[in-house]
C-alpha atoms as a PDB file:
ATOM      1  CA  MET A   1      85.922 -75.443  40.916  1.00  0.00           C
ATOM      2  CA  PRO A   2      87.066 -76.627  44.324  1.00  0.00           C
ATOM      3  CA  ASN A   3      84.971 -75.037  47.434  1.00  0.00           C
ATOM      4  CA  LEU A   4      87.523 -74.491  50.162  1.00  0.00           C
ATOM      5  CA  SER A   5      85.265 -73.308  52.917  1.00  0.00           C
ATOM      6  CA  PRO A   6      84.164 -76.296  55.353  1.00  0.00           C
ATOM      7  CA  ASP A   7      80.967 -74.383  55.730  1.00  0.00           C
ATOM      8  CA  ARG A   8      79.637 -75.176  52.471  1.00  0.00           C
ATOM      9  CA  GLN A   9      81.212 -78.612  51.874  1.00  0.00           C
ATOM     10  CA  ASP A  10      78.231 -80.915  50.924  1.00  0.00           C
ATOM     11  CA  PRO A  11      78.089 -84.015  53.227  1.00  0.00           C
ATOM     12  CA  ILE A  12      77.369 -86.403  50.487  1.00  0.00           C
ATOM     13  CA  LEU A  13      81.223 -85.526  49.177  1.00  0.00           C
ATOM     14  CA  VAL A  14      82.929 -85.551  52.485  1.00  0.00           C
ATOM     15  CA  ALA A  15      81.244 -88.936  53.015  1.00  0.00           C
ATOM     16  CA  LEU A  16      82.744 -90.217  49.135  1.00  0.00           C
ATOM     17  CA  GLY A  17      85.830 -88.644  50.020  1.00  0.00           C
ATOM     18  CA  GLY A  18      86.435 -90.495  53.203  1.00  0.00           C
ATOM     19  CA  ALA A  19      85.113 -93.895  51.393  1.00  0.00           C
ATOM     20  CA  ILE A  20      87.795 -93.106  48.855  1.00  0.00           C
ATOM     21  CA  ARG A  21      90.684 -92.135  51.786  1.00  0.00           C
ATOM     22  CA  ARG A  22      89.646 -95.473  53.740  1.00  0.00           C
ATOM     23  CA  ALA A  23      90.296 -97.512  50.525  1.00  0.00           C
ATOM     24  CA  ARG A  24      93.431 -96.075  49.310  1.00  0.00           C
ATOM     25  CA  ILE A  25      94.467 -96.494  53.100  1.00  0.00           C
ATOM     26  CA  LYS A  26      93.212-100.014  53.081  1.00  0.00           C
ATOM     27  CA  LYS A  27      95.298-100.548  49.679  1.00  0.00           C
ATOM     28  CA  GLY A  28      98.844 -99.160  51.327  1.00  0.00           C
ATOM     29  CA  LEU A  29      98.672 -96.523  49.181  1.00  0.00           C
ATOM     30  CA  SER A  30      99.804 -92.773  48.774  1.00  0.00           C
ATOM     31  CA  GLN A  31      97.379 -89.782  47.475  1.00  0.00           C
ATOM     32  CA  GLU A  32     100.451 -89.092  44.895  1.00  0.00           C
ATOM     33  CA  ARG A  33     100.196 -93.148  43.634  1.00  0.00           C
ATOM     34  CA  LEU A  34      96.510 -93.205  43.429  1.00  0.00           C
ATOM     35  CA  ALA A  35      96.383 -90.128  41.683  1.00  0.00           C
ATOM     36  CA  LEU A  36      99.183 -91.472  39.188  1.00  0.00           C
ATOM     37  CA  LEU A  37      97.069 -94.991  38.925  1.00  0.00           C
ATOM     38  CA  ALA A  38      94.042 -92.732  38.180  1.00  0.00           C
ATOM     39  CA  ASP A  39      95.022 -90.689  36.097  1.00  0.00           C
ATOM     40  CA  VAL A  40      94.660 -87.572  38.105  1.00  0.00           C
ATOM     41  CA  ASP A  41      96.707 -84.690  40.040  1.00  0.00           C
ATOM     42  CA  ARG A  42      97.650 -85.652  43.237  1.00  0.00           C
ATOM     43  CA  SER A  43      96.395 -82.078  44.237  1.00  0.00           C
ATOM     44  CA  TYR A  44      93.103 -83.063  42.970  1.00  0.00           C
ATOM     45  CA  MET A  45      93.196 -86.460  44.746  1.00  0.00           C
ATOM     46  CA  GLY A  46      93.514 -84.193  48.461  1.00  0.00           C
ATOM     47  CA  ARG A  47      90.614 -81.805  47.282  1.00  0.00           C
ATOM     48  CA  VAL A  48      88.075 -85.307  46.689  1.00  0.00           C
ATOM     49  CA  GLU A  49      89.009 -86.865  49.543  1.00  0.00           C
ATOM     50  CA  ARG A  50      88.330 -83.330  51.787  1.00  0.00           C
ATOM     51  CA  GLY A  51      84.808 -83.219  49.647  1.00  0.00           C
ATOM     52  CA  ASP A  52      86.224 -80.005  48.082  1.00  0.00           C
ATOM     53  CA  ASN A  53      85.834 -81.030  44.706  1.00  0.00           C
ATOM     54  CA  VAL A  54      82.775 -82.768  42.923  1.00  0.00           C
ATOM     55  CA  ILE A  55      84.192 -85.281  41.395  1.00  0.00           C
ATOM     56  CA  ALA A  56      83.185 -86.702  37.898  1.00  0.00           C
ATOM     57  CA  LEU A  57      81.897 -90.011  37.363  1.00  0.00           C
ATOM     58  CA  LEU A  58      84.577 -90.698  34.880  1.00  0.00           C
ATOM     59  CA  THR A  59      87.529 -89.591  37.984  1.00  0.00           C
ATOM     60  CA  LEU A  60      85.277 -91.928  40.234  1.00  0.00           C
ATOM     61  CA  ALA A  61      85.360 -95.148  37.650  1.00  0.00           C
ATOM     62  CA  ARG A  62      89.062 -94.693  37.360  1.00  0.00           C
ATOM     63  CA  LEU A  63      89.840 -94.129  41.010  1.00  0.00           C
ATOM     64  CA  ALA A  64      87.383 -97.356  41.697  1.00  0.00           C
ATOM     65  CA  GLU A  65      89.464 -99.332  39.057  1.00  0.00           C
ATOM     66  CA  ALA A  66      92.634 -97.787  40.926  1.00  0.00           C
ATOM     67  CA  LEU A  67      91.485 -98.838  44.265  1.00  0.00           C
ATOM     68  CA  GLY A  68      90.447-102.792  42.906  1.00  0.00           C
ATOM     69  CA  VAL A  69      87.120-101.908  44.060  1.00  0.00           C
ATOM     70  CA  SER A  70      83.744-100.974  42.425  1.00  0.00           C
ATOM     71  CA  MET A  71      82.226 -97.233  42.324  1.00  0.00           C
ATOM     72  CA  SER A  72      78.800 -99.126  44.487  1.00  0.00           C
ATOM     73  CA  GLU A  73      81.297-100.590  47.169  1.00  0.00           C
ATOM     74  CA  LEU A  74      82.372 -96.988  47.414  1.00  0.00           C
ATOM     75  CA  MET A  75      79.242 -95.460  47.134  1.00  0.00           C
ATOM     76  CA  ALA A  76      78.095 -98.209  49.900  1.00  0.00           C
ATOM     77  CA  ASP A  77      80.811 -96.796  52.181  1.00  0.00           C
ATOM     78  CA  ALA A  78      79.753 -93.472  52.019  1.00  0.00           C
ATOM     79  CA  GLY A  79      76.403 -94.611  52.920  1.00  0.00           C
ATOM     80  CA  LEU A  80      74.817 -92.973  49.761  1.00  0.00           C
END
């Protein structure tokens, strides 16, 4: 379930979402294209990038693969 209140967003989720967004932009992908490549809903992709959703490990793995990076690279970019 999304946590749509900015006052309740977990800093870890916001940092990870930012790392995913930066990697997506660096690859020149739209949210829609990344969602398609990773087999996730486009609206879910937006919520992940904003830190509104807790991302499952398997989804993170699929996003990393679609971005051509490792999960550890995403985590390092997020400062985690």
